[in-house]
């Protein structure tokens, strides 16, 4: 955990884990599939890689790709997983 990309992507991933676990222990049948959590998890990993590569090489293009990836992960999470909507 050396760059801001490490911290941000791990924080997002931890939030996804909390949402998934909270929904999986709730009453009734879960409303979402575990597969819906795969795209943001992969997006966090890829964005972290691009961000770290950009920091290592001092390349702002890699860092811009990482920032856009993180925004895409957050948008997907908000619109598809809907973490602020009460399920169950």
PDB file of N, CA and C in Angstrom:
ATOM      1  N   UNK A   1       0.853  -1.165   0.000  1.00  0.00           N
ATOM      2  CA  UNK A   1       0.000   0.000   0.000  1.00  0.00           C
ATOM      3  C   UNK A   1       0.906   1.238   0.000  1.00  0.00           C
ATOM      4  N   UNK A   2       1.276   1.612  -1.226  1.00  0.00           N
ATOM      5  CA  UNK A   2       2.220   2.712  -1.357  1.00  0.00           C
ATOM      6  C   UNK A   2       1.656   3.932  -2.078  1.00  0.00           C
ATOM      7  N   UNK A   3       0.638   3.737  -2.878  1.00  0.00           N
ATOM      8  CA  UNK A   3       0.113   4.864  -3.646  1.00  0.00           C
ATOM      9  C   UNK A   3      -1.343   5.133  -3.262  1.00  0.00           C
ATOM     10  N   UNK A   4      -1.822   6.278  -3.699  1.00  0.00           N
ATOM     11  CA  UNK A   4      -3.218   6.627  -3.454  1.00  0.00           C
ATOM     12  C   UNK A   4      -4.148   5.644  -4.148  1.00  0.00           C
ATOM     13  N   UNK A   5      -3.702   5.092  -5.268  1.00  0.00           N
ATOM     14  CA  UNK A   5      -4.529   4.127  -6.003  1.00  0.00           C
ATOM     15  C   UNK A   5      -4.722   2.851  -5.185  1.00  0.00           C
ATOM     16  N   UNK A   6      -3.688   2.448  -4.464  1.00  0.00           N
ATOM     17  CA  UNK A   6      -3.817   1.288  -3.577  1.00  0.00           C
ATOM     18  C   UNK A   6      -4.910   1.532  -2.540  1.00  0.00           C
ATOM     19  N   UNK A   7      -4.842   2.675  -1.888  1.00  0.00           N
ATOM     20  CA  UNK A   7      -5.789   2.982  -0.812  1.00  0.00           C
ATOM     21  C   UNK A   7      -7.218   3.117  -1.327  1.00  0.00           C
ATOM     22  N   UNK A   8      -7.388   3.828  -2.433  1.00  0.00           N
ATOM     23  CA  UNK A   8      -8.737   4.071  -2.955  1.00  0.00           C
ATOM     24  C   UNK A   8      -9.381   2.777  -3.438  1.00  0.00           C
ATOM     25  N   UNK A   9      -8.646   1.988  -4.203  1.00  0.00           N
ATOM     26  CA  UNK A   9      -9.239   0.762  -4.738  1.00  0.00           C
ATOM     27  C   UNK A   9      -9.508  -0.267  -3.642  1.00  0.00           C
ATOM     28  N   UNK A  10      -8.637  -0.347  -2.657  1.00  0.00           N
ATOM     29  CA  UNK A  10      -8.892  -1.272  -1.542  1.00  0.00           C
ATOM     30  C   UNK A  10     -10.105  -0.801  -0.734  1.00  0.00           C
ATOM     31  N   UNK A  11     -10.253   0.501  -0.555  1.00  0.00           N
ATOM     32  CA  UNK A  11     -11.421   1.023   0.169  1.00  0.00           C
ATOM     33  C   UNK A  11     -12.717   0.715  -0.586  1.00  0.00           C
ATOM     34  N   UNK A  12     -12.710   0.889  -1.906  1.00  0.00           N
ATOM     35  CA  UNK A  12     -13.895   0.564  -2.701  1.00  0.00           C
ATOM     36  C   UNK A  12     -14.201  -0.926  -2.611  1.00  0.00           C
ATOM     37  N   UNK A  13     -13.171  -1.751  -2.752  1.00  0.00           N
ATOM     38  CA  UNK A  13     -13.351  -3.200  -2.674  1.00  0.00           C
ATOM     39  C   UNK A  13     -13.890  -3.598  -1.299  1.00  0.00           C
ATOM     40  N   UNK A  14     -13.376  -2.992  -0.241  1.00  0.00           N
ATOM     41  CA  UNK A  14     -13.877  -3.288   1.107  1.00  0.00           C
ATOM     42  C   UNK A  14     -15.350  -2.906   1.227  1.00  0.00           C
ATOM     43  N   UNK A  15     -15.727  -1.788   0.625  1.00  0.00           N
ATOM     44  CA  UNK A  15     -17.130  -1.386   0.631  1.00  0.00           C
ATOM     45  C   UNK A  15     -18.011  -2.387  -0.101  1.00  0.00           C
ATOM     46  N   UNK A  16     -17.517  -2.899  -1.214  1.00  0.00           N
ATOM     47  CA  UNK A  16     -18.265  -3.928  -1.948  1.00  0.00           C
ATOM     48  C   UNK A  16     -18.452  -5.179  -1.095  1.00  0.00           C
ATOM     49  N   UNK A  17     -17.408  -5.550  -0.376  1.00  0.00           N
ATOM     50  CA  UNK A  17     -17.496  -6.726   0.500  1.00  0.00           C
ATOM     51  C   UNK A  17     -18.539  -6.517   1.582  1.00  0.00           C
ATOM     52  N   UNK A  18     -18.542  -5.344   2.182  1.00  0.00           N
ATOM     53  CA  UNK A  18     -19.514  -5.051   3.242  1.00  0.00           C
ATOM     54  C   UNK A  18     -20.937  -5.121   2.700  1.00  0.00           C
ATOM     55  N   UNK A  19     -21.168  -4.523   1.533  1.00  0.00           N
ATOM     56  CA  UNK A  19     -22.512  -4.552   0.938  1.00  0.00           C
ATOM     57  C   UNK A  19     -22.933  -5.990   0.642  1.00  0.00           C
ATOM     58  N   UNK A  20     -22.023  -6.765   0.044  1.00  0.00           N
ATOM     59  CA  UNK A  20     -22.336  -8.154  -0.283  1.00  0.00           C
ATOM     60  C   UNK A  20     -22.655  -8.957   0.982  1.00  0.00           C
ATOM     61  N   UNK A  21     -21.826  -8.842   1.997  1.00  0.00           N
ATOM     62  CA  UNK A  21     -22.054  -9.607   3.231  1.00  0.00           C
ATOM     63  C   UNK A  21     -23.329  -9.171   3.932  1.00  0.00           C
ATOM     64  N   UNK A  22     -23.586  -7.883   3.943  1.00  0.00           N
ATOM     65  CA  UNK A  22     -24.806  -7.380   4.577  1.00  0.00           C
ATOM     66  C   UNK A  22     -26.048  -7.932   3.879  1.00  0.00           C
ATOM     67  N   UNK A  23     -26.006  -7.979   2.570  1.00  0.00           N
ATOM     68  CA  UNK A  23     -27.162  -8.478   1.824  1.00  0.00           C
ATOM     69  C   UNK A  23     -27.286  -9.994   1.899  1.00  0.00           C
ATOM     70  N   UNK A  24     -26.176 -10.685   2.051  1.00  0.00           N
ATOM     71  CA  UNK A  24     -26.233 -12.148   2.055  1.00  0.00           C
ATOM     72  C   UNK A  24     -26.734 -12.707   3.380  1.00  0.00           C
ATOM     73  N   UNK A  25     -26.674 -11.944   4.457  1.00  0.00           N
ATOM     74  CA  UNK A  25     -27.164 -12.442   5.746  1.00  0.00           C
ATOM     75  C   UNK A  25     -28.556 -11.926   6.071  1.00  0.00           C
ATOM     76  N   UNK A  26     -29.111 -11.088   5.212  1.00  0.00           N
ATOM     77  CA  UNK A  26     -30.438 -10.548   5.449  1.00  0.00           C
ATOM     78  C   UNK A  26     -31.520 -11.605   5.293  1.00  0.00           C
ATOM     79  N   UNK A  27     -32.693 -11.266   5.769  1.00  0.00           N
ATOM     80  CA  UNK A  27     -33.818 -12.183   5.644  1.00  0.00           C
ATOM     81  C   UNK A  27     -34.258 -12.294   4.192  1.00  0.00           C
ATOM     82  N   UNK A  28     -34.758 -13.443   3.836  1.00  0.00           N
ATOM     83  CA  UNK A  28     -35.262 -13.654   2.485  1.00  0.00           C
ATOM     84  C   UNK A  28     -34.160 -14.011   1.513  1.00  0.00           C
ATOM     85  N   UNK A  29     -34.576 -14.201   0.286  1.00  0.00           N
ATOM     86  CA  UNK A  29     -33.655 -14.568  -0.788  1.00  0.00           C
ATOM     87  C   UNK A  29     -32.854 -13.339  -1.221  1.00  0.00           C
ATOM     88  N   UNK A  30     -31.544 -13.479  -1.433  1.00  0.00           N
ATOM     89  CA  UNK A  30     -30.753 -12.331  -1.907  1.00  0.00           C
ATOM     90  C   UNK A  30     -31.272 -11.819  -3.246  1.00  0.00           C
ATOM     91  N   UNK A  31     -31.298 -10.506  -3.404  1.00  0.00           N
ATOM     92  CA  UNK A  31     -31.828  -9.885  -4.609  1.00  0.00           C
ATOM     93  C   UNK A  31     -30.781  -9.739  -5.711  1.00  0.00           C
ATOM     94  N   UNK A  32     -29.513  -9.844  -5.359  1.00  0.00           N
ATOM     95  CA  UNK A  32     -28.478  -9.682  -6.362  1.00  0.00           C
ATOM     96  C   UNK A  32     -27.562 -10.899  -6.400  1.00  0.00           C
ATOM     97  N   UNK A  33     -26.920 -11.075  -7.526  1.00  0.00           N
ATOM     98  CA  UNK A  33     -26.040 -12.218  -7.746  1.00  0.00           C
ATOM     99  C   UNK A  33     -24.608 -11.844  -7.397  1.00  0.00           C
ATOM    100  N   UNK A  34     -23.838 -12.841  -7.009  1.00  0.00           N
ATOM    101  CA  UNK A  34     -22.423 -12.592  -6.730  1.00  0.00           C
ATOM    102  C   UNK A  34     -21.695 -12.145  -7.996  1.00  0.00           C
ATOM    103  N   UNK A  35     -22.197 -12.554  -9.160  1.00  0.00           N
ATOM    104  CA  UNK A  35     -21.567 -12.158 -10.421  1.00  0.00           C
ATOM    105  C   UNK A  35     -21.659 -10.654 -10.687  1.00  0.00           C
ATOM    106  N   UNK A  36     -22.651  -9.984 -10.088  1.00  0.00           N
ATOM    107  CA  UNK A  36     -22.759  -8.539 -10.285  1.00  0.00           C
ATOM    108  C   UNK A  36     -21.638  -7.786  -9.576  1.00  0.00           C
ATOM    109  N   UNK A  37     -20.936  -8.447  -8.671  1.00  0.00           N
ATOM    110  CA  UNK A  37     -19.819  -7.828  -7.961  1.00  0.00           C
ATOM    111  C   UNK A  37     -18.492  -8.044  -8.687  1.00  0.00           C
ATOM    112  N   UNK A  38     -18.478  -8.891  -9.697  1.00  0.00           N
ATOM    113  CA  UNK A  38     -17.248  -9.188 -10.419  1.00  0.00           C
ATOM    114  C   UNK A  38     -16.717  -7.999 -11.236  1.00  0.00           C
ATOM    115  N   UNK A  39     -17.541  -7.300 -12.011  1.00  0.00           N
ATOM    116  CA  UNK A  39     -16.997  -6.168 -12.791  1.00  0.00           C
ATOM    117  C   UNK A  39     -16.338  -5.077 -11.935  1.00  0.00           C
ATOM    118  N   UNK A  40     -16.951  -4.644 -10.821  1.00  0.00           N
ATOM    119  CA  UNK A  40     -16.240  -3.617 -10.052  1.00  0.00           C
ATOM    120  C   UNK A  40     -14.982  -4.151  -9.365  1.00  0.00           C
ATOM    121  N   UNK A  41     -14.970  -5.432  -9.004  1.00  0.00           N
ATOM    122  CA  UNK A  41     -13.765  -6.002  -8.398  1.00  0.00           C
ATOM    123  C   UNK A  41     -12.620  -6.028  -9.409  1.00  0.00           C
ATOM    124  N   UNK A  42     -12.920  -6.457 -10.628  1.00  0.00           N
ATOM    125  CA  UNK A  42     -11.903  -6.460 -11.680  1.00  0.00           C
ATOM    126  C   UNK A  42     -11.504  -5.025 -12.031  1.00  0.00           C
ATOM    127  N   UNK A  43     -12.481  -4.140 -12.058  1.00  0.00           N
ATOM    128  CA  UNK A  43     -12.195  -2.731 -12.336  1.00  0.00           C
ATOM    129  C   UNK A  43     -11.266  -2.117 -11.309  1.00  0.00           C
ATOM    130  N   UNK A  44     -11.433  -2.485 -10.047  1.00  0.00           N
ATOM    131  CA  UNK A  44     -10.529  -1.994  -8.998  1.00  0.00           C
ATOM    132  C   UNK A  44      -9.110  -2.498  -9.235  1.00  0.00           C
ATOM    133  N   UNK A  45      -8.979  -3.770  -9.566  1.00  0.00           N
ATOM    134  CA  UNK A  45      -7.647  -4.345  -9.802  1.00  0.00           C
ATOM    135  C   UNK A  45      -6.960  -3.692 -10.994  1.00  0.00           C
ATOM    136  N   UNK A  46      -7.699  -3.534 -12.084  1.00  0.00           N
ATOM    137  CA  UNK A  46      -7.113  -2.945 -13.296  1.00  0.00           C
ATOM    138  C   UNK A  46      -6.770  -1.472 -13.073  1.00  0.00           C
ATOM    139  N   UNK A  47      -7.665  -0.737 -12.427  1.00  0.00           N
ATOM    140  CA  UNK A  47      -7.404   0.678 -12.153  1.00  0.00           C
ATOM    141  C   UNK A  47      -6.204   0.840 -11.238  1.00  0.00           C
ATOM    142  N   UNK A  48      -6.084  -0.027 -10.253  1.00  0.00           N
ATOM    143  CA  UNK A  48      -4.942   0.026  -9.348  1.00  0.00           C
ATOM    144  C   UNK A  48      -3.647  -0.234 -10.120  1.00  0.00           C
ATOM    145  N   UNK A  49      -3.660  -1.200 -11.025  1.00  0.00           N
ATOM    146  CA  UNK A  49      -2.469  -1.502 -11.813  1.00  0.00           C
ATOM    147  C   UNK A  49      -2.064  -0.299 -12.662  1.00  0.00           C
ATOM    148  N   UNK A  50      -3.038   0.291 -13.364  1.00  0.00           N
ATOM    149  CA  UNK A  50      -2.732   1.458 -14.191  1.00  0.00           C
ATOM    150  C   UNK A  50      -2.218   2.615 -13.336  1.00  0.00           C
ATOM    151  N   UNK A  51      -2.848   2.846 -12.201  1.00  0.00           N
ATOM    152  CA  UNK A  51      -2.412   3.933 -11.334  1.00  0.00           C
ATOM    153  C   UNK A  51      -1.006   3.728 -10.811  1.00  0.00           C
ATOM    154  N   UNK A  52      -0.710   2.540 -10.350  1.00  0.00           N
ATOM    155  CA  UNK A  52       0.628   2.256  -9.840  1.00  0.00           C
ATOM    156  C   UNK A  52       1.672   2.351 -10.945  1.00  0.00           C
ATOM    157  N   UNK A  53       1.341   1.871 -12.137  1.00  0.00           N
ATOM    158  CA  UNK A  53       2.252   1.956 -13.281  1.00  0.00           C
ATOM    159  C   UNK A  53       2.502   3.425 -13.637  1.00  0.00           C
ATOM    160  N   UNK A  54       1.473   4.222 -13.578  1.00  0.00           N
ATOM    161  CA  UNK A  54       1.623   5.651 -13.863  1.00  0.00           C
ATOM    162  C   UNK A  54       2.485   6.364 -12.844  1.00  0.00           C
ATOM    163  N   UNK A  55       2.360   5.988 -11.581  1.00  0.00           N
ATOM    164  CA  UNK A  55       3.190   6.600 -10.544  1.00  0.00           C
ATOM    165  C   UNK A  55       4.644   6.179 -10.721  1.00  0.00           C
ATOM    166  N   UNK A  56       4.860   4.897 -10.994  1.00  0.00           N
ATOM    167  CA  UNK A  56       6.228   4.399 -11.184  1.00  0.00           C
ATOM    168  C   UNK A  56       6.931   5.092 -12.342  1.00  0.00           C
ATOM    169  N   UNK A  57       6.239   5.226 -13.457  1.00  0.00           N
ATOM    170  CA  UNK A  57       6.852   5.778 -14.659  1.00  0.00           C
ATOM    171  C   UNK A  57       6.659   7.284 -14.799  1.00  0.00           C
ATOM    172  N   UNK A  58       5.852   7.885 -13.920  1.00  0.00           N
ATOM    173  CA  UNK A  58       5.573   9.304 -14.030  1.00  0.00           C
ATOM    174  C   UNK A  58       4.724   9.643 -15.249  1.00  0.00           C
ATOM    175  N   UNK A  59       3.926   8.707 -15.687  1.00  0.00           N
ATOM    176  CA  UNK A  59       3.114   8.871 -16.891  1.00  0.00           C
ATOM    177  C   UNK A  59       1.681   9.245 -16.500  1.00  0.00           C
ATOM    178  N   UNK A  60       1.279  10.426 -16.886  1.00  0.00           N
ATOM    179  CA  UNK A  60      -0.053  10.903 -16.529  1.00  0.00           C
ATOM    180  C   UNK A  60      -1.160  10.192 -17.315  1.00  0.00           C
ATOM    181  N   UNK A  61      -0.837   9.592 -18.448  1.00  0.00           N
ATOM    182  CA  UNK A  61      -1.852   8.873 -19.216  1.00  0.00           C
ATOM    183  C   UNK A  61      -2.330   7.655 -18.433  1.00  0.00           C
ATOM    184  N   UNK A  62      -1.403   6.905 -17.855  1.00  0.00           N
ATOM    185  CA  UNK A  62      -1.783   5.762 -17.029  1.00  0.00           C
ATOM    186  C   UNK A  62      -2.623   6.209 -15.834  1.00  0.00           C
ATOM    187  N   UNK A  63      -2.233   7.313 -15.236  1.00  0.00           N
ATOM    188  CA  UNK A  63      -2.984   7.804 -14.074  1.00  0.00           C
ATOM    189  C   UNK A  63      -4.368   8.286 -14.474  1.00  0.00           C
ATOM    190  N   UNK A  64      -4.502   8.864 -15.650  1.00  0.00           N
ATOM    191  CA  UNK A  64      -5.820   9.294 -16.134  1.00  0.00           C
ATOM    192  C   UNK A  64      -6.708   8.081 -16.399  1.00  0.00           C
ATOM    193  N   UNK A  65      -6.118   7.034 -16.977  1.00  0.00           N
ATOM    194  CA  UNK A  65      -6.881   5.805 -17.203  1.00  0.00           C
ATOM    195  C   UNK A  65      -7.333   5.222 -15.866  1.00  0.00           C
ATOM    196  N   UNK A  66      -6.453   5.253 -14.875  1.00  0.00           N
ATOM    197  CA  UNK A  66      -6.807   4.737 -13.548  1.00  0.00           C
ATOM    198  C   UNK A  66      -7.946   5.546 -12.941  1.00  0.00           C
ATOM    199  N   UNK A  67      -7.869   6.856 -13.049  1.00  0.00           N
ATOM    200  CA  UNK A  67      -8.925   7.702 -12.490  1.00  0.00           C
ATOM    201  C   UNK A  67     -10.258   7.446 -13.185  1.00  0.00           C
ATOM    202  N   UNK A  68     -10.233   7.309 -14.504  1.00  0.00           N
ATOM    203  CA  UNK A  68     -11.471   7.004 -15.236  1.00  0.00           C
ATOM    204  C   UNK A  68     -12.003   5.625 -14.862  1.00  0.00           C
ATOM    205  N   UNK A  69     -11.110   4.675 -14.657  1.00  0.00           N
ATOM    206  CA  UNK A  69     -11.523   3.333 -14.226  1.00  0.00           C
ATOM    207  C   UNK A  69     -12.188   3.359 -12.868  1.00  0.00           C
ATOM    208  N   UNK A  70     -11.622   4.132 -11.959  1.00  0.00           N
ATOM    209  CA  UNK A  70     -12.209   4.244 -10.614  1.00  0.00           C
ATOM    210  C   UNK A  70     -13.580   4.895 -10.697  1.00  0.00           C
ATOM    211  N   UNK A  71     -13.711   5.925 -11.510  1.00  0.00           N
ATOM    212  CA  UNK A  71     -15.033   6.558 -11.689  1.00  0.00           C
ATOM    213  C   UNK A  71     -16.031   5.585 -12.302  1.00  0.00           C
ATOM    214  N   UNK A  72     -15.579   4.774 -13.247  1.00  0.00           N
ATOM    215  CA  UNK A  72     -16.470   3.778 -13.860  1.00  0.00           C
ATOM    216  C   UNK A  72     -16.907   2.740 -12.829  1.00  0.00           C
ATOM    217  N   UNK A  73     -15.992   2.321 -11.971  1.00  0.00           N
ATOM    218  CA  UNK A  73     -16.330   1.364 -10.905  1.00  0.00           C
ATOM    219  C   UNK A  73     -17.368   1.972  -9.967  1.00  0.00           C
ATOM    220  N   UNK A  74     -17.157   3.216  -9.585  1.00  0.00           N
ATOM    221  CA  UNK A  74     -18.118   3.871  -8.682  1.00  0.00           C
ATOM    222  C   UNK A  74     -19.484   4.034  -9.349  1.00  0.00           C
ATOM    223  N   UNK A  75     -19.502   4.397 -10.629  1.00  0.00           N
ATOM    224  CA  UNK A  75     -20.776   4.545 -11.342  1.00  0.00           C
ATOM    225  C   UNK A  75     -21.492   3.206 -11.453  1.00  0.00           C
ATOM    226  N   UNK A  76     -20.771   2.163 -11.815  1.00  0.00           N
ATOM    227  CA  UNK A  76     -21.360   0.825 -11.911  1.00  0.00           C
ATOM    228  C   UNK A  76     -21.932   0.415 -10.554  1.00  0.00           C
ATOM    229  N   UNK A  77     -21.162   0.627  -9.519  1.00  0.00           N
ATOM    230  CA  UNK A  77     -21.608   0.241  -8.176  1.00  0.00           C
ATOM    231  C   UNK A  77     -22.874   0.995  -7.791  1.00  0.00           C
ATOM    232  N   UNK A  78     -22.916   2.283  -8.088  1.00  0.00           N
ATOM    233  CA  UNK A  78     -24.072   3.093  -7.721  1.00  0.00           C
ATOM    234  C   UNK A  78     -25.325   2.691  -8.497  1.00  0.00           C
ATOM    235  N   UNK A  79     -25.181   2.456  -9.801  1.00  0.00           N
ATOM    236  CA  UNK A  79     -26.352   2.194 -10.639  1.00  0.00           C
ATOM    237  C   UNK A  79     -26.765   0.725 -10.715  1.00  0.00           C
ATOM    238  N   UNK A  80     -25.831  -0.201 -10.560  1.00  0.00           N
ATOM    239  CA  UNK A  80     -26.165  -1.617 -10.691  1.00  0.00           C
ATOM    240  C   UNK A  80     -26.334  -2.281  -9.326  1.00  0.00           C
ATOM    241  N   UNK A  81     -25.377  -2.099  -8.448  1.00  0.00           N
ATOM    242  CA  UNK A  81     -25.435  -2.749  -7.130  1.00  0.00           C
ATOM    243  C   UNK A  81     -26.329  -1.969  -6.162  1.00  0.00           C
ATOM    244  N   UNK A  82     -26.398  -0.662  -6.346  1.00  0.00           N
ATOM    245  CA  UNK A  82     -27.260   0.208  -5.531  1.00  0.00           C
ATOM    246  C   UNK A  82     -27.007   0.000  -4.023  1.00  0.00           C
ATOM    247  N   UNK A  83     -25.829   0.414  -3.557  1.00  0.00           N
ATOM    248  CA  UNK A  83     -25.475   0.162  -2.164  1.00  0.00           C
ATOM    249  C   UNK A  83     -26.312   0.953  -1.148  1.00  0.00           C
ATOM    250  N   UNK A  84     -26.936   2.047  -1.572  1.00  0.00           N
ATOM    251  CA  UNK A  84     -27.704   2.864  -0.642  1.00  0.00           C
ATOM    252  C   UNK A  84     -29.180   2.526  -0.626  1.00  0.00           C
ATOM    253  N   UNK A  85     -29.581   1.549  -1.437  1.00  0.00           N
ATOM    254  CA  UNK A  85     -30.977   1.110  -1.491  1.00  0.00           C
ATOM    255  C   UNK A  85     -31.153  -0.050  -0.518  1.00  0.00           C
ATOM    256  N   UNK A  86     -32.198   0.002   0.263  1.00  0.00           N
ATOM    257  CA  UNK A  86     -32.456  -1.076   1.212  1.00  0.00           C
ATOM    258  C   UNK A  86     -32.986  -2.298   0.477  1.00  0.00           C
ATOM    259  N   UNK A  87     -32.331  -3.442   0.684  1.00  0.00           N
ATOM    260  CA  UNK A  87     -32.749  -4.701   0.074  1.00  0.00           C
ATOM    261  C   UNK A  87     -33.350  -5.596   1.144  1.00  0.00           C
ATOM    262  N   UNK A  88     -34.206  -6.498   0.702  1.00  0.00           N
ATOM    263  CA  UNK A  88     -34.724  -7.504   1.628  1.00  0.00           C
ATOM    264  C   UNK A  88     -36.062  -7.268   2.087  1.00  0.00           C
TER     265      UNK A  88
END
